[in-house]
Amino acid sequence: MGIDFGMKHIGVALSDELWITASGCETVNWNGLDDTWAVNRIVEIVKENNVTGIILGKPSRTDGTVSHTEEAAVEFGKKIETRTGITPIMKDERYTTVLASRFMQDIGRTAKKQKKVIDQVAAEIILADYLETLR
């Protein structure tokens, strides 16, 4: 499972059973304050899909300083680990949303249509990049 963590939207992508491809699964929306519902939904997706590994995007700043969003992502990962027993692998996700947006533009998706799936595409990029390292 790949997760693109954001303070309003969390993109989720899943790999196939052979760990070759990554596909968007869902965008989990939350209020940026209480992540209980978002954690619960991610745990449900893990159970429903027999997930055995989680790659969690870490939104690092380009200057190397730790942002509030990065801290929140790390905390989110800890909660997921507590509930699933799976330790998320933290992966730098800088520019994944930009890459996802460019990809969506290249295939002709308007900005309005992008909003619904952009976070899933970013999660796909995070997961696909990790899957490449396994080859």
Protein backbone atom coordinates (compact mmCIF):
# COMPACT_ATOMS: atom_id res chain seq x y z
CA MET A 1 0.00 0.00 0.00
CA GLY A 2 1.21 3.48 -0.85
CA ILE A 3 -0.05 6.48 1.08
CA ASP A 4 0.23 10.13 0.04
CA PHE A 5 -0.38 11.93 3.33
CA GLY A 6 -1.95 15.37 3.34
CA MET A 7 -3.65 17.55 5.91
CA LYS A 8 -7.01 17.32 4.11
CA HIS A 9 -6.69 14.42 1.67
CA ILE A 10 -4.84 11.12 1.96
CA GLY A 11 -4.27 9.28 -1.29
CA VAL A 12 -4.15 5.50 -1.17
CA ALA A 13 -2.75 3.15 -3.81
CA LEU A 14 -2.42 -0.62 -3.82
CA SER A 15 -0.07 -2.95 -5.65
CA ASP A 16 -1.02 -6.18 -7.33
CA GLU A 17 -0.18 -9.45 -5.57
CA LEU A 18 3.13 -9.75 -7.44
CA TRP A 19 4.21 -6.23 -6.40
CA ILE A 20 4.62 -5.12 -10.00
CA THR A 21 2.03 -2.39 -10.52
CA ALA A 22 0.48 0.35 -8.41
CA SER A 23 -3.13 1.49 -8.81
CA GLY A 24 -5.10 4.23 -7.11
CA CYS A 25 -7.56 2.93 -4.56
CA GLU A 26 -9.19 5.76 -2.65
CA THR A 27 -8.85 9.30 -1.40
CA VAL A 28 -9.52 9.52 2.32
CA ASN A 29 -10.74 12.99 3.28
CA TRP A 30 -10.36 14.35 6.79
CA ASN A 31 -10.47 17.65 8.66
CA GLY A 32 -6.73 17.99 9.38
CA LEU A 33 -7.34 17.99 13.13
CA ASP A 34 -8.72 14.64 14.31
CA ASP A 35 -7.33 11.78 12.23
CA THR A 36 -9.35 9.05 13.97
CA TRP A 37 -11.68 8.50 11.02
CA ALA A 38 -8.79 8.55 8.53
CA VAL A 39 -6.77 6.03 10.57
CA ASN A 40 -9.83 3.78 10.88
CA ARG A 41 -10.42 3.89 7.12
CA ILE A 42 -6.79 3.08 6.30
CA VAL A 43 -6.92 0.14 8.74
CA GLU A 44 -10.09 -1.11 7.00
CA ILE A 45 -8.39 -0.90 3.60
CA VAL A 46 -5.37 -2.80 4.98
CA LYS A 47 -7.62 -5.59 6.27
CA GLU A 48 -9.88 -5.72 3.20
CA ASN A 49 -6.90 -6.05 0.86
CA ASN A 50 -4.56 -8.22 2.97
CA VAL A 51 -1.90 -5.50 2.87
CA THR A 52 1.50 -6.69 4.09
CA GLY A 53 3.55 -3.53 3.60
CA ILE A 54 2.93 0.21 3.72
CA ILE A 55 4.95 2.95 2.05
CA LEU A 56 4.02 6.27 3.63
CA GLY A 57 4.99 9.48 1.90
CA LYS A 58 6.93 11.84 4.14
CA PRO A 59 6.29 15.42 3.01
CA SER A 60 9.78 16.81 3.63
CA ARG A 61 10.68 20.42 2.94
CA THR A 62 13.25 21.16 0.28
CA ASP A 63 15.43 23.01 2.80
CA GLY A 64 15.61 19.94 5.05
CA THR A 65 13.68 21.41 7.98
CA VAL A 66 10.84 19.39 9.47
CA SER A 67 7.38 20.75 8.71
CA HIS A 68 4.17 20.37 10.69
CA THR A 69 2.84 18.13 7.91
CA GLU A 70 5.89 15.87 8.12
CA GLU A 71 5.44 15.55 11.88
CA ALA A 72 1.76 14.74 11.36
CA ALA A 73 2.65 12.08 8.75
CA VAL A 74 5.09 10.41 11.15
CA GLU A 75 2.43 10.41 13.90
CA PHE A 76 -0.12 9.04 11.44
CA GLY A 77 2.31 6.25 10.56
CA LYS A 78 2.73 5.35 14.23
CA LYS A 79 -1.03 5.08 14.64
CA ILE A 80 -1.30 2.87 11.56
CA GLU A 81 1.50 0.67 12.92
CA THR A 82 -0.20 0.35 16.32
CA ARG A 83 -3.46 -0.71 14.71
CA THR A 84 -2.10 -3.01 11.97
CA GLY A 85 1.25 -4.27 13.24
CA ILE A 86 2.80 -3.07 9.96
CA THR A 87 5.66 -0.59 10.30
CA PRO A 88 5.29 1.93 7.48
CA ILE A 89 8.37 2.65 5.41
CA MET A 90 8.72 6.43 5.29
CA LYS A 91 9.58 7.68 1.80
CA ASP A 92 10.39 11.19 0.68
CA GLU A 93 7.43 12.34 -1.36
CA ARG A 94 8.56 15.78 -2.42
CA TYR A 95 7.06 16.78 -5.76
CA THR A 96 4.82 13.71 -6.11
CA THR A 97 1.68 15.84 -6.26
CA VAL A 98 3.34 18.07 -8.88
CA LEU A 99 4.29 14.99 -10.91
CA ALA A 100 0.77 13.61 -10.51
CA SER A 101 -0.74 16.89 -11.70
CA ARG A 102 1.52 16.98 -14.75
CA PHE A 103 0.62 13.40 -15.58
CA MET A 104 -3.08 14.20 -15.27
CA GLN A 105 -2.67 17.22 -17.57
CA ASP A 106 -0.79 15.08 -20.09
CA ILE A 107 -3.71 12.67 -20.31
CA GLY A 108 -6.18 15.53 -20.67
CA ARG A 109 -7.73 15.71 -17.22
CA THR A 110 -9.04 19.15 -16.31
CA ALA A 111 -8.11 20.70 -12.97
CA LYS A 112 -11.64 20.01 -11.71
CA LYS A 113 -11.41 16.30 -12.57
CA GLN A 114 -7.89 16.09 -11.13
CA LYS A 115 -9.05 17.08 -7.64
CA LYS A 116 -10.92 13.81 -7.16
CA VAL A 117 -7.95 11.55 -7.90
CA ILE A 118 -4.75 13.62 -7.68
CA ASP A 119 -3.84 12.25 -4.24
CA GLN A 120 -4.39 8.67 -5.42
CA VAL A 121 -2.08 9.28 -8.38
CA ALA A 122 0.54 10.74 -6.01
CA ALA A 123 0.19 7.59 -3.86
CA GLU A 124 0.65 5.49 -7.01
CA ILE A 125 3.89 7.35 -7.74
CA ILE A 126 5.16 6.77 -4.19
CA LEU A 127 4.30 3.08 -4.34
CA ALA A 128 5.56 2.52 -7.90
CA ASP A 129 8.87 4.19 -7.04
CA TYR A 130 9.28 1.87 -4.07
CA LEU A 131 8.33 -1.20 -6.11
CA GLU A 132 11.05 -0.27 -8.60
CA THR A 133 13.66 -0.48 -5.85
CA LEU A 134 12.65 -4.12 -5.23
CA ARG A 135 13.57 -5.18 -8.76
